[in-house]
Amino acid sequence: MTKISNFKFPILFFGLFFCFSRLGAEETKLQTTEPPVPVQNPLPASLKFGAFVDTYYSHNTNHPISKERQYATQAVRNDEFNINLGFVDAKWQEEKVRGRIALQFGTSVNTNYAAEANRDVSSNQNSVKHIQEAYVGFKLAKDTWVDGGIYFGHIGHESWISSDNWNYTRALALDYVPYYSSGVRLTTKFTDKFQFQFHIMNGWQNITDQNKDKSLGSQFKFFITPNFTITANQFAGNEAPDNERKQTRFYNNTILEWKALDWLSFAVSGDVGAQKAKESFQYEPWWKEVNPILGIYTNRESKVYNQWYHGTFWTSFRYHDLYRLSLRIERFYDPKQVLATTYTRNGFMTNGYTVTFDLLHWNPGLIRFEATQKESMDAVFETDKNKHTRVERLFIVAASVRY
């Protein structure tokens, strides 16, 4: 009896061990077949990254001593290979929130931000010029958004990004309107054919404000037909620093765009501006009799508004996705030198003629050849003998790519 009992005990032990092993294996198998927990992406689903590089060589037939070309913001370096604009960006468009941040560099950046104030420490030219756009927007209602921050200006037919334009350089009218704004904009779409924008901004192309006043802007865009659009842009604001009398500026820009055929497009733009004069001097010789220290002229607040006008015409011919030929004719009339200072008798009264030929084979890459001529009433363009002439001719080769 004892031998039989001793023999049954090892059998019972191995039986229990085998059962528990099978149970453990089944439990492990069940655990491994459970679906993995998905890792939630903290970034917006619509987030996209991009980059752009625009390089050029510009030849000035006047051979000026200075490398810097005046009265322009694009391709400003004479007889030199350089970068006009380069940037990297991130943008997103969700159901209720959107935004974009873009950091930039290039000769056009340095030129466009030259008027930014340098007197303050926290916000100055060096601290803001590399910000192309930095804004965030919120959806208030259907087709209605409010954006706040730094964003592209709303005036004009041409963009800062050269590949978006028919011509490589900008029209004179576009070089003298804001490329960027700092403020808040409200965008709404009343119907499929009518859009509206309203802006509250620091001023006329400045991030660091130079006075206590804020400027207002608006845009009315009408889609008359799918191929014909009318856009009207406005601006109103004080452009004088706080230590000077107010110099309120009013500006209106109207654009007509017509795509006549798949390969033929036209655009025309008309601009008018008016700005209150800084001061006026009145001839009052009797004050000298009252007080000999006083002069015969007194400095008073002016009621005069100096005006300027621009007119620009574009046309573009496109041959499939291979070639494009674009022409531009323009007139810039600023005799009071409100925007363009020449220190000459007639101010900046200039005509411009531009022809651009584009090679589109390498989309999204673009190779461009451009010739432009400007003719002014006064001798305002620098020459090689440190003199000035009425005519400036440029030949430009440019290449860009955007992703």
Protein backbone atom coordinates (compact mmCIF):
# COMPACT_ATOMS: atom_id res chain seq x y z
CA MET A 1 0.00 0.00 0.00
CA THR A 2 2.82 2.35 0.77
CA LYS A 3 4.45 1.88 -2.64
CA ILE A 4 1.21 2.63 -4.46
CA SER A 5 0.73 5.90 -2.52
CA ASN A 6 4.29 7.03 -3.29
CA PHE A 7 3.74 6.40 -6.97
CA LYS A 8 0.46 8.41 -7.12
CA PHE A 9 1.96 11.57 -5.58
CA PRO A 10 4.38 12.43 -8.43
CA ILE A 11 1.62 11.81 -10.97
CA LEU A 12 -0.69 14.20 -9.11
CA PHE A 13 2.06 16.85 -8.88
CA PHE A 14 2.84 16.79 -12.62
CA GLY A 15 -0.86 16.85 -13.45
CA LEU A 16 -1.45 20.01 -11.45
CA PHE A 17 1.67 21.62 -12.96
CA PHE A 18 0.46 20.84 -16.50
CA CYS A 19 -3.01 22.31 -15.82
CA PHE A 20 -1.67 25.58 -14.41
CA SER A 21 0.78 25.88 -17.33
CA ARG A 22 -2.08 25.57 -19.83
CA LEU A 23 -4.12 28.17 -17.96
CA GLY A 24 -1.17 30.61 -17.95
CA ALA A 25 -0.62 30.08 -21.67
CA GLU A 26 -4.27 30.79 -22.45
CA GLU A 27 -4.16 33.97 -20.35
CA THR A 28 -1.00 35.15 -22.14
CA LYS A 29 -2.58 34.41 -25.52
CA LEU A 30 -5.66 36.48 -24.61
CA GLN A 31 -3.47 39.38 -23.50
CA THR A 32 -1.43 39.42 -26.69
CA THR A 33 -4.49 39.45 -28.95
CA GLU A 34 -5.92 42.65 -27.41
CA PRO A 35 -5.74 45.63 -29.85
CA PRO A 36 -3.03 48.23 -29.04
CA VAL A 37 -4.14 51.53 -27.54
CA PRO A 38 -3.82 54.23 -30.26
CA VAL A 39 -1.40 57.10 -29.50
CA GLN A 40 -3.20 60.43 -29.84
CA ASN A 41 -1.43 62.99 -32.09
CA PRO A 42 -1.24 66.34 -30.22
CA LEU A 43 -0.75 68.29 -33.49
CA PRO A 44 -3.66 69.50 -35.65
CA ALA A 45 -4.57 67.16 -38.48
CA SER A 46 -4.43 70.03 -40.98
CA LEU A 47 -0.93 71.17 -39.97
CA LYS A 48 1.28 71.68 -43.03
CA PHE A 49 4.88 72.82 -43.36
CA GLY A 50 6.26 74.75 -46.31
CA ALA A 51 9.28 76.59 -47.64
CA PHE A 52 10.11 79.12 -50.35
CA VAL A 53 13.34 80.44 -51.87
CA ASP A 54 13.57 83.26 -54.41
CA THR A 55 17.01 84.10 -55.81
CA TYR A 56 17.93 86.67 -58.47
CA TYR A 57 20.59 88.55 -60.43
CA SER A 58 19.78 92.13 -61.42
CA HIS A 59 21.76 94.20 -63.96
CA ASN A 60 21.31 97.99 -63.92
CA THR A 61 22.39 99.66 -67.18
CA ASN A 62 23.07 102.92 -65.32
CA HIS A 63 25.91 101.19 -63.43
CA PRO A 64 25.29 103.21 -60.25
CA ILE A 65 28.06 103.49 -57.67
CA SER A 66 25.70 102.28 -54.95
CA LYS A 67 24.66 98.64 -54.86
CA GLU A 68 21.25 99.62 -53.47
CA ARG A 69 18.49 100.46 -55.94
CA GLN A 70 16.12 103.23 -54.88
CA TYR A 71 12.32 103.47 -55.13
CA ALA A 72 11.89 99.69 -54.95
CA THR A 73 11.72 96.82 -52.46
CA GLN A 74 12.30 93.81 -54.73
CA ALA A 75 15.55 92.81 -56.47
CA VAL A 76 17.18 95.90 -54.97
CA ARG A 77 20.83 94.86 -55.29
CA ASN A 78 22.58 95.94 -58.49
CA ASP A 79 24.82 93.51 -60.42
CA GLU A 80 24.82 90.94 -57.66
CA PHE A 81 23.54 87.42 -57.00
CA ASN A 82 21.37 87.46 -53.91
CA ILE A 83 18.26 86.12 -52.16
CA ASN A 84 15.19 88.27 -52.58
CA LEU A 85 13.01 86.26 -50.18
CA GLY A 86 13.23 82.96 -48.38
CA PHE A 87 10.93 81.61 -45.70
CA VAL A 88 9.77 78.51 -43.85
CA ASP A 89 6.26 78.29 -42.51
CA ALA A 90 3.71 76.21 -40.66
CA LYS A 91 -0.03 76.69 -41.11
CA TRP A 92 -3.19 74.97 -40.01
CA GLN A 93 -6.91 75.26 -40.80
CA GLU A 94 -9.20 73.44 -38.41
CA GLU A 95 -12.97 73.70 -38.12
CA LYS A 96 -12.87 76.50 -35.53
CA VAL A 97 -9.27 77.67 -35.37
CA ARG A 98 -6.56 78.52 -37.88
CA GLY A 99 -3.16 80.17 -38.01
CA ARG A 100 0.19 80.58 -39.72
CA ILE A 101 3.72 81.33 -38.61
CA ALA A 102 6.47 82.09 -41.14
CA LEU A 103 10.08 83.14 -40.58
CA GLN A 104 11.86 84.94 -43.42
CA PHE A 105 15.10 86.46 -44.71
CA GLY A 106 16.35 88.22 -47.86
CA THR A 107 17.06 91.62 -49.37
CA SER A 108 13.35 92.46 -49.70
CA VAL A 109 12.94 91.79 -45.98
CA ASN A 110 15.64 94.28 -45.05
CA THR A 111 14.15 96.89 -47.39
CA ASN A 112 10.54 96.45 -46.30
CA TYR A 113 11.32 96.67 -42.58
CA ALA A 114 13.72 99.62 -42.86
CA ALA A 115 11.07 102.04 -41.58
CA GLU A 116 10.41 100.05 -38.39
CA ALA A 117 11.33 101.97 -35.23
CA ASN A 118 14.64 101.25 -33.51
CA ARG A 119 14.24 103.35 -30.38
CA ASP A 120 12.50 100.66 -28.28
CA VAL A 121 14.19 97.63 -26.75
CA SER A 122 11.38 95.04 -26.66
CA SER A 123 10.07 95.70 -30.18
CA ASN A 124 12.31 97.09 -32.89
CA GLN A 125 13.41 96.53 -36.46
CA ASN A 126 15.84 93.72 -35.66
CA SER A 127 13.37 91.84 -33.48
CA VAL A 128 10.41 91.88 -35.90
CA LYS A 129 11.81 91.87 -39.44
CA HIS A 130 12.19 88.09 -39.62
CA ILE A 131 8.47 87.59 -38.89
CA GLN A 132 6.56 87.35 -42.16
CA GLU A 133 3.30 86.23 -40.58
CA ALA A 134 2.36 85.13 -37.08
CA TYR A 135 -1.35 85.08 -36.41
CA VAL A 136 -4.09 82.93 -34.94
CA GLY A 137 -7.73 82.97 -36.02
CA PHE A 138 -11.04 81.87 -34.54
CA LYS A 139 -14.30 81.09 -36.29
CA LEU A 140 -17.12 83.27 -34.94
CA ALA A 141 -19.89 82.04 -37.22
CA LYS A 142 -20.37 80.41 -40.58
CA ASP A 143 -17.95 82.04 -43.05
CA THR A 144 -16.84 84.58 -40.41
CA TRP A 145 -13.35 84.61 -38.91
CA VAL A 146 -11.32 86.94 -36.72
CA ASP A 147 -7.50 86.84 -36.94
CA GLY A 148 -5.01 88.59 -34.69
CA GLY A 149 -1.27 89.12 -35.06
CA ILE A 150 1.01 89.93 -37.99
CA TYR A 151 -0.32 89.13 -41.47
CA PHE A 152 0.05 90.18 -45.13
CA GLY A 153 -1.31 93.58 -46.12
CA HIS A 154 -4.71 93.70 -47.82
CA ILE A 155 -3.99 96.40 -50.44
CA GLY A 156 -2.90 95.72 -54.01
CA HIS A 157 -3.01 93.19 -56.84
CA GLU A 158 0.50 91.76 -56.40
CA SER A 159 1.82 89.62 -53.55
CA TRP A 160 5.12 89.72 -51.68
CA ILE A 161 5.73 86.13 -52.86
CA SER A 162 7.04 86.60 -56.40
CA SER A 163 5.86 83.26 -57.79
CA ASP A 164 2.24 84.34 -57.18
CA ASN A 165 2.62 87.34 -59.52
CA TRP A 166 2.66 87.70 -63.30
CA ASN A 167 5.76 89.91 -63.14
CA TYR A 168 8.83 89.33 -61.00
CA THR A 169 9.34 92.85 -59.66
CA ARG A 170 6.45 94.79 -58.13
CA ALA A 171 4.64 97.75 -59.59
CA LEU A 172 5.58 101.10 -58.10
CA ALA A 173 2.13 101.32 -56.56
CA LEU A 174 2.68 98.00 -54.79
CA ASP A 175 6.11 98.95 -53.46
CA TYR A 176 4.51 101.89 -51.64
CA VAL A 177 1.60 100.13 -49.92
CA PRO A 178 1.86 97.85 -46.87
CA TYR A 179 3.38 94.42 -47.48
CA TYR A 180 2.37 93.45 -43.94
CA SER A 181 0.12 94.67 -41.12
CA SER A 182 -0.04 94.17 -37.38
CA GLY A 183 -3.49 94.11 -35.87
CA VAL A 184 -6.86 92.37 -35.99
CA ARG A 185 -8.93 91.55 -39.07
CA LEU A 186 -12.50 90.38 -39.43
CA THR A 187 -13.30 88.35 -42.56
CA THR A 188 -16.81 87.40 -43.56
CA LYS A 189 -18.58 86.05 -46.62
CA PHE A 190 -22.06 87.48 -47.06
CA THR A 191 -22.81 85.55 -50.23
CA ASP A 192 -20.91 83.45 -52.74
CA LYS A 193 -20.28 86.67 -54.69
CA PHE A 194 -19.50 89.16 -51.91
CA GLN A 195 -16.72 89.05 -49.29
CA PHE A 196 -15.74 91.71 -46.74
CA GLN A 197 -12.78 92.43 -44.46
CA PHE A 198 -12.36 94.96 -41.64
CA HIS A 199 -8.97 95.76 -40.08
CA ILE A 200 -7.76 97.53 -36.95
CA MET A 201 -3.99 98.03 -37.31
CA ASN A 202 -1.04 99.73 -35.66
CA GLY A 203 -0.47 101.77 -38.80
CA TRP A 204 0.77 101.84 -42.39
CA GLN A 205 3.17 98.88 -42.46
CA ASN A 206 4.57 98.99 -38.96
CA ILE A 207 4.60 96.47 -36.14
CA THR A 208 6.17 98.77 -33.55
CA ASP A 209 3.65 101.61 -33.27
CA GLN A 210 4.92 105.17 -33.49
CA ASN A 211 1.85 106.91 -32.06
CA LYS A 212 -1.14 106.29 -29.81
CA ASP A 213 -3.64 106.13 -32.66
CA LYS A 214 -4.83 103.04 -34.47
CA SER A 215 -5.54 102.77 -38.21
CA LEU A 216 -8.56 101.28 -39.95
CA GLY A 217 -8.76 99.27 -43.15
CA SER A 218 -11.41 97.52 -45.19
CA GLN A 219 -11.83 95.37 -48.28
CA PHE A 220 -14.89 94.78 -50.46
CA LYS A 221 -14.57 91.92 -52.95
CA PHE A 222 -17.21 91.24 -55.59
CA PHE A 223 -17.20 88.11 -57.77
CA ILE A 224 -19.28 89.44 -60.65
CA THR A 225 -18.75 86.25 -62.67
CA PRO A 226 -16.42 83.28 -62.12
CA ASN A 227 -13.90 85.08 -64.37
CA PHE A 228 -14.42 88.74 -63.39
CA THR A 229 -13.66 90.21 -59.94
CA ILE A 230 -13.75 93.73 -58.48
CA THR A 231 -11.84 94.49 -55.27
CA ALA A 232 -11.88 97.79 -53.35
CA ASN A 233 -9.38 98.35 -50.51
CA GLN A 234 -9.31 101.28 -48.09
CA PHE A 235 -7.05 102.66 -45.36
CA ALA A 236 -7.38 105.54 -42.87
CA GLY A 237 -5.00 106.48 -40.06
CA ASN A 238 -2.63 109.01 -38.54
CA GLU A 239 0.93 108.58 -39.82
CA ALA A 240 2.68 111.15 -37.62
CA PRO A 241 4.56 110.37 -34.37
CA ASP A 242 3.10 111.69 -31.14
CA ASN A 243 5.52 114.64 -31.02
CA GLU A 244 4.12 116.05 -34.30
CA ARG A 245 0.75 117.32 -35.43
CA LYS A 246 -1.57 114.63 -36.76
CA GLN A 247 -1.10 113.74 -40.43
CA THR A 248 -4.12 111.62 -41.29
CA ARG A 249 -3.74 109.44 -44.38
CA PHE A 250 -6.63 108.22 -46.55
CA TYR A 251 -6.07 105.65 -49.30
CA ASN A 252 -8.25 103.81 -51.77
CA ASN A 253 -7.21 101.02 -54.14
CA THR A 254 -9.56 99.49 -56.72
CA ILE A 255 -8.68 96.37 -58.74
CA LEU A 256 -10.45 94.79 -61.71
CA GLU A 257 -9.41 91.26 -62.71
CA TRP A 258 -10.66 89.48 -65.82
CA LYS A 259 -9.75 86.01 -67.05
CA ALA A 260 -10.83 86.39 -70.66
CA LEU A 261 -9.66 82.94 -71.77
CA ASP A 262 -7.86 80.00 -70.22
CA TRP A 263 -4.61 81.43 -71.59
CA LEU A 264 -5.32 85.19 -71.44
CA SER A 265 -5.86 87.38 -68.35
CA PHE A 266 -6.08 91.12 -67.66
CA ALA A 267 -5.95 93.29 -64.55
CA VAL A 268 -6.11 97.03 -63.91
CA SER A 269 -5.59 98.93 -60.67
CA GLY A 270 -6.28 102.54 -59.72
CA ASP A 271 -5.05 104.15 -56.50
CA VAL A 272 -5.59 107.55 -54.90
CA GLY A 273 -4.16 108.79 -51.62
CA ALA A 274 -4.38 111.96 -49.55
CA GLN A 275 -2.48 112.93 -46.41
CA LYS A 276 -2.80 116.00 -44.25
CA ALA A 277 0.25 118.26 -44.55
CA LYS A 278 2.54 118.41 -41.55
CA GLU A 279 2.35 122.18 -41.09
CA SER A 280 1.76 125.46 -42.87
CA PHE A 281 3.62 128.75 -42.69
CA GLN A 282 1.57 131.91 -42.88
CA TYR A 283 2.96 135.37 -43.72
CA GLU A 284 2.12 137.57 -40.72
CA PRO A 285 4.66 140.42 -40.55
CA TRP A 286 2.76 142.31 -37.84
CA TRP A 287 3.90 139.84 -35.18
CA LYS A 288 7.43 141.24 -35.53
CA GLU A 289 6.11 144.67 -34.54
CA VAL A 290 4.52 143.19 -31.42
CA ASN A 291 7.63 141.22 -30.48
CA PRO A 292 10.90 141.67 -32.41
CA ILE A 293 11.93 138.11 -31.50
CA LEU A 294 9.08 136.68 -33.58
CA GLY A 295 9.53 136.18 -37.30
CA ILE A 296 7.27 137.25 -40.12
CA TYR A 297 6.07 133.67 -40.67
CA THR A 298 4.06 131.64 -38.16
CA ASN A 299 3.87 127.86 -38.03
CA ARG A 300 0.26 126.71 -37.89
CA GLU A 301 -1.70 123.49 -38.31
CA SER A 302 -2.30 122.83 -41.97
CA LYS A 303 -5.69 122.19 -43.51
CA VAL A 304 -4.19 121.07 -46.81
CA TYR A 305 -4.18 117.44 -47.97
CA ASN A 306 -1.39 116.40 -50.32
CA GLN A 307 -2.51 113.87 -52.91
CA TRP A 308 -0.91 111.19 -55.06
CA TYR A 309 -2.16 108.78 -57.72
CA HIS A 310 -1.20 105.43 -59.25
CA GLY A 311 -2.45 103.57 -62.29
CA THR A 312 -1.33 100.07 -63.36
CA PHE A 313 -2.32 97.71 -66.18
CA TRP A 314 -1.33 94.02 -66.46
CA THR A 315 -1.87 91.35 -69.07
CA SER A 316 -0.62 87.76 -69.11
CA PHE A 317 -0.45 85.15 -71.92
CA ARG A 318 0.00 81.51 -70.92
CA TYR A 319 0.95 78.65 -73.25
CA HIS A 320 -0.19 75.44 -71.57
CA ASP A 321 1.99 74.77 -68.52
CA LEU A 322 5.20 75.54 -70.39
CA TYR A 323 5.55 79.31 -70.88
CA ARG A 324 4.04 82.60 -69.75
CA LEU A 325 4.52 86.13 -71.09
CA SER A 326 3.36 89.05 -68.96
CA LEU A 327 3.33 92.81 -69.59
CA ARG A 328 2.85 95.71 -67.17
CA ILE A 329 2.40 99.45 -67.78
CA GLU A 330 2.19 101.88 -64.87
CA ARG A 331 2.10 105.52 -63.85
CA PHE A 332 3.13 106.83 -60.41
CA TYR A 333 2.24 110.47 -59.66
CA ASP A 334 3.51 111.87 -56.35
CA PRO A 335 4.52 115.52 -56.93
CA LYS A 336 4.31 116.40 -53.22
CA GLN A 337 6.63 113.50 -52.32
CA VAL A 338 4.34 112.04 -49.67
CA LEU A 339 5.54 108.47 -50.28
CA ALA A 340 8.59 108.79 -52.57
CA THR A 341 11.05 111.50 -51.53
CA THR A 342 13.26 112.78 -54.37
CA TYR A 343 14.15 116.35 -53.28
CA THR A 344 13.49 117.47 -56.84
CA ARG A 345 11.19 120.08 -58.31
CA ASN A 346 8.47 117.79 -59.68
CA GLY A 347 8.75 115.01 -57.12
CA PHE A 348 8.30 111.39 -58.19
CA MET A 349 6.32 111.43 -61.44
CA THR A 350 7.34 108.20 -63.14
CA ASN A 351 6.18 105.80 -65.85
CA GLY A 352 7.12 102.13 -65.87
CA TYR A 353 7.18 99.40 -68.54
CA THR A 354 7.86 95.74 -67.70
CA VAL A 355 7.94 92.49 -69.69
CA THR A 356 8.42 89.08 -68.03
CA PHE A 357 8.96 85.67 -69.62
CA ASP A 358 8.48 82.61 -67.40
CA LEU A 359 9.54 78.99 -67.88
CA LEU A 360 6.97 76.80 -66.14
CA HIS A 361 8.44 73.37 -66.93
CA TRP A 362 9.77 72.74 -63.42
CA ASN A 363 6.65 73.40 -61.35
CA PRO A 364 6.80 74.11 -58.39
CA GLY A 365 10.09 75.61 -59.57
CA LEU A 366 10.03 78.75 -61.72
CA ILE A 367 12.67 80.45 -63.90
CA ARG A 368 12.02 84.06 -64.91
CA PHE A 369 13.52 86.64 -67.28
CA GLU A 370 12.46 90.25 -66.92
CA ALA A 371 13.25 93.62 -68.50
CA THR A 372 11.91 96.84 -67.00
CA GLN A 373 12.30 100.51 -67.80
CA LYS A 374 11.31 103.50 -65.66
CA GLU A 375 11.12 107.07 -66.94
CA SER A 376 10.78 109.98 -64.51
CA MET A 377 10.13 113.67 -65.13
CA ASP A 378 13.13 114.59 -62.98
CA ALA A 379 16.58 113.02 -62.86
CA VAL A 380 16.08 110.74 -59.86
CA PHE A 381 17.99 107.56 -60.82
CA GLU A 382 21.67 107.25 -59.89
CA THR A 383 24.41 106.68 -62.50
CA ASP A 384 28.03 105.50 -62.43
CA LYS A 385 29.43 109.05 -62.26
CA ASN A 386 27.56 109.87 -59.06
CA LYS A 387 25.08 111.81 -61.12
CA HIS A 388 21.40 111.25 -61.83
CA THR A 389 19.36 110.49 -64.92
CA ARG A 390 15.69 110.33 -65.86
CA VAL A 391 15.74 106.69 -67.07
CA GLU A 392 16.52 103.39 -65.37
CA ARG A 393 16.70 100.05 -67.20
CA LEU A 394 16.96 96.67 -65.48
CA PHE A 395 17.50 93.12 -66.71
CA ILE A 396 16.73 90.42 -64.16
CA VAL A 397 17.11 86.65 -64.08
CA ALA A 398 15.36 84.93 -61.19
CA ALA A 399 14.62 81.43 -59.96
CA SER A 400 12.31 80.28 -57.22
CA VAL A 401 10.80 77.12 -55.76
CA ARG A 402 7.99 76.64 -53.27
CA TYR A 403 6.79 73.62 -51.31
